């Protein structure tokens, strides 16, 4: 999918999800399932011209009960290839 700003192909994205789970492995699975569902049937489905994204976790952390009230579990920050990478 080309970037609207530069026209370069987007190669990935960052996103954050807040999920309720009994352990970290379950939390990772729930977060990934949520993102995949958005790309398969949600708001991004019409833009997705390829396969469902391959996902990898950068980090996870435990949050407090109050975080639920201030967190929005939507959106992505897309990025293009780094031209300076060797």
C-alpha atoms as a PDB file:
ATOM      1  CA  UNK A   1       0.000   0.000   0.000  1.00  0.00           C
ATOM      2  CA  UNK A   2       1.625   3.319  -0.991  1.00  0.00           C
ATOM      3  CA  UNK A   3       2.059   6.066   1.584  1.00  0.00           C
ATOM      4  CA  UNK A   4      -0.232   9.045   1.057  1.00  0.00           C
ATOM      5  CA  UNK A   5       2.577  11.436   2.023  1.00  0.00           C
ATOM      6  CA  UNK A   6       5.485  10.147  -0.063  1.00  0.00           C
ATOM      7  CA  UNK A   7       3.984   7.564  -2.412  1.00  0.00           C
ATOM      8  CA  UNK A   8       6.575   5.020  -1.201  1.00  0.00           C
ATOM      9  CA  UNK A   9       5.357   1.536  -0.333  1.00  0.00           C
ATOM     10  CA  UNK A  10       4.456   1.035   3.315  1.00  0.00           C
ATOM     11  CA  UNK A  11       6.344  -1.961   4.672  1.00  0.00           C
ATOM     12  CA  UNK A  12       5.001  -2.108   8.224  1.00  0.00           C
ATOM     13  CA  UNK A  13       3.220  -0.455  11.093  1.00  0.00           C
ATOM     14  CA  UNK A  14       3.213  -0.016  14.839  1.00  0.00           C
ATOM     15  CA  UNK A  15       0.063  -0.307  16.900  1.00  0.00           C
ATOM     16  CA  UNK A  16      -0.845  -0.639  20.557  1.00  0.00           C
ATOM     17  CA  UNK A  17      -3.555  -2.746  22.133  1.00  0.00           C
ATOM     18  CA  UNK A  18      -4.848  -3.018  25.690  1.00  0.00           C
ATOM     19  CA  UNK A  19      -6.287  -6.448  26.479  1.00  0.00           C
ATOM     20  CA  UNK A  20      -7.431  -8.321  29.553  1.00  0.00           C
ATOM     21  CA  UNK A  21      -5.662 -11.662  30.019  1.00  0.00           C
ATOM     22  CA  UNK A  22      -4.498 -14.000  32.754  1.00  0.00           C
ATOM     23  CA  UNK A  23      -0.872 -14.085  31.526  1.00  0.00           C
ATOM     24  CA  UNK A  24       1.459 -12.491  28.995  1.00  0.00           C
ATOM     25  CA  UNK A  25       1.125 -15.255  26.391  1.00  0.00           C
ATOM     26  CA  UNK A  26      -2.666 -14.921  26.419  1.00  0.00           C
ATOM     27  CA  UNK A  27      -2.373 -11.128  26.209  1.00  0.00           C
ATOM     28  CA  UNK A  28      -0.109 -11.363  23.160  1.00  0.00           C
ATOM     29  CA  UNK A  29      -2.529 -13.756  21.448  1.00  0.00           C
ATOM     30  CA  UNK A  30      -5.540 -11.546  22.177  1.00  0.00           C
ATOM     31  CA  UNK A  31      -3.786  -8.403  20.959  1.00  0.00           C
ATOM     32  CA  UNK A  32      -2.649 -10.092  17.732  1.00  0.00           C
ATOM     33  CA  UNK A  33      -6.127 -11.537  17.146  1.00  0.00           C
ATOM     34  CA  UNK A  34      -7.620  -8.047  17.567  1.00  0.00           C
ATOM     35  CA  UNK A  35      -5.282  -6.513  14.988  1.00  0.00           C
ATOM     36  CA  UNK A  36      -5.775  -9.366  12.526  1.00  0.00           C
ATOM     37  CA  UNK A  37      -9.553  -9.023  12.825  1.00  0.00           C
ATOM     38  CA  UNK A  38      -9.351  -5.314  11.981  1.00  0.00           C
ATOM     39  CA  UNK A  39      -7.318  -6.087   8.865  1.00  0.00           C
ATOM     40  CA  UNK A  40      -9.572  -8.960   7.783  1.00  0.00           C
ATOM     41  CA  UNK A  41     -13.033  -7.509   8.387  1.00  0.00           C
ATOM     42  CA  UNK A  42     -12.626  -4.103  10.003  1.00  0.00           C
ATOM     43  CA  UNK A  43     -11.844  -0.602   8.800  1.00  0.00           C
ATOM     44  CA  UNK A  44      -8.570  -1.625   7.115  1.00  0.00           C
ATOM     45  CA  UNK A  45     -10.017  -4.560   5.155  1.00  0.00           C
ATOM     46  CA  UNK A  46     -10.842  -2.451   2.085  1.00  0.00           C
ATOM     47  CA  UNK A  47      -7.262  -1.070   1.925  1.00  0.00           C
ATOM     48  CA  UNK A  48      -5.595  -4.431   2.440  1.00  0.00           C
ATOM     49  CA  UNK A  49      -4.753  -5.744  -1.034  1.00  0.00           C
ATOM     50  CA  UNK A  50      -2.517  -8.570   0.209  1.00  0.00           C
ATOM     51  CA  UNK A  51      -2.520 -11.087   3.017  1.00  0.00           C
ATOM     52  CA  UNK A  52      -3.326 -10.443   6.652  1.00  0.00           C
ATOM     53  CA  UNK A  53      -0.229  -8.778   8.181  1.00  0.00           C
ATOM     54  CA  UNK A  54       2.458 -10.895   9.812  1.00  0.00           C
ATOM     55  CA  UNK A  55       2.700  -9.624  13.384  1.00  0.00           C
ATOM     56  CA  UNK A  56       5.519  -9.564  15.903  1.00  0.00           C
ATOM     57  CA  UNK A  57       5.531  -8.184  19.411  1.00  0.00           C
ATOM     58  CA  UNK A  58       8.023  -5.483  20.296  1.00  0.00           C
ATOM     59  CA  UNK A  59       7.121  -5.309  23.995  1.00  0.00           C
ATOM     60  CA  UNK A  60       4.342  -5.961  26.493  1.00  0.00           C
ATOM     61  CA  UNK A  61       3.677  -4.507  29.920  1.00  0.00           C
ATOM     62  CA  UNK A  62       1.170  -4.865  32.710  1.00  0.00           C
ATOM     63  CA  UNK A  63      -1.185  -1.900  33.049  1.00  0.00           C
ATOM     64  CA  UNK A  64      -3.400  -0.646  35.834  1.00  0.00           C
ATOM     65  CA  UNK A  65      -7.180  -0.824  35.993  1.00  0.00           C
ATOM     66  CA  UNK A  66      -7.428   2.940  35.370  1.00  0.00           C
ATOM     67  CA  UNK A  67      -5.576   2.675  32.049  1.00  0.00           C
ATOM     68  CA  UNK A  68      -8.738   1.176  30.546  1.00  0.00           C
ATOM     69  CA  UNK A  69     -10.495   4.537  30.855  1.00  0.00           C
ATOM     70  CA  UNK A  70      -7.800   6.540  29.047  1.00  0.00           C
ATOM     71  CA  UNK A  71      -6.739   4.156  26.285  1.00  0.00           C
ATOM     72  CA  UNK A  72      -8.099   3.942  22.741  1.00  0.00           C
ATOM     73  CA  UNK A  73      -7.353   0.578  21.135  1.00  0.00           C
ATOM     74  CA  UNK A  74      -7.337   1.647  17.498  1.00  0.00           C
ATOM     75  CA  UNK A  75      -5.010   3.144  14.931  1.00  0.00           C
ATOM     76  CA  UNK A  76      -1.711   2.331  13.317  1.00  0.00           C
ATOM     77  CA  UNK A  77       1.499   4.255  12.674  1.00  0.00           C
ATOM     78  CA  UNK A  78       2.702   3.172   9.236  1.00  0.00           C
ATOM     79  CA  UNK A  79       6.313   3.300   8.031  1.00  0.00           C
ATOM     80  CA  UNK A  80       8.207   2.939   4.765  1.00  0.00           C
ATOM     81  CA  UNK A  81      11.618   1.338   4.122  1.00  0.00           C
ATOM     82  CA  UNK A  82      14.599   3.152   5.608  1.00  0.00           C
ATOM     83  CA  UNK A  83      16.689   4.284   2.631  1.00  0.00           C
ATOM     84  CA  UNK A  84      19.745   4.704   4.876  1.00  0.00           C
ATOM     85  CA  UNK A  85      19.700   1.100   6.139  1.00  0.00           C
ATOM     86  CA  UNK A  86      22.610  -0.989   4.936  1.00  0.00           C
END
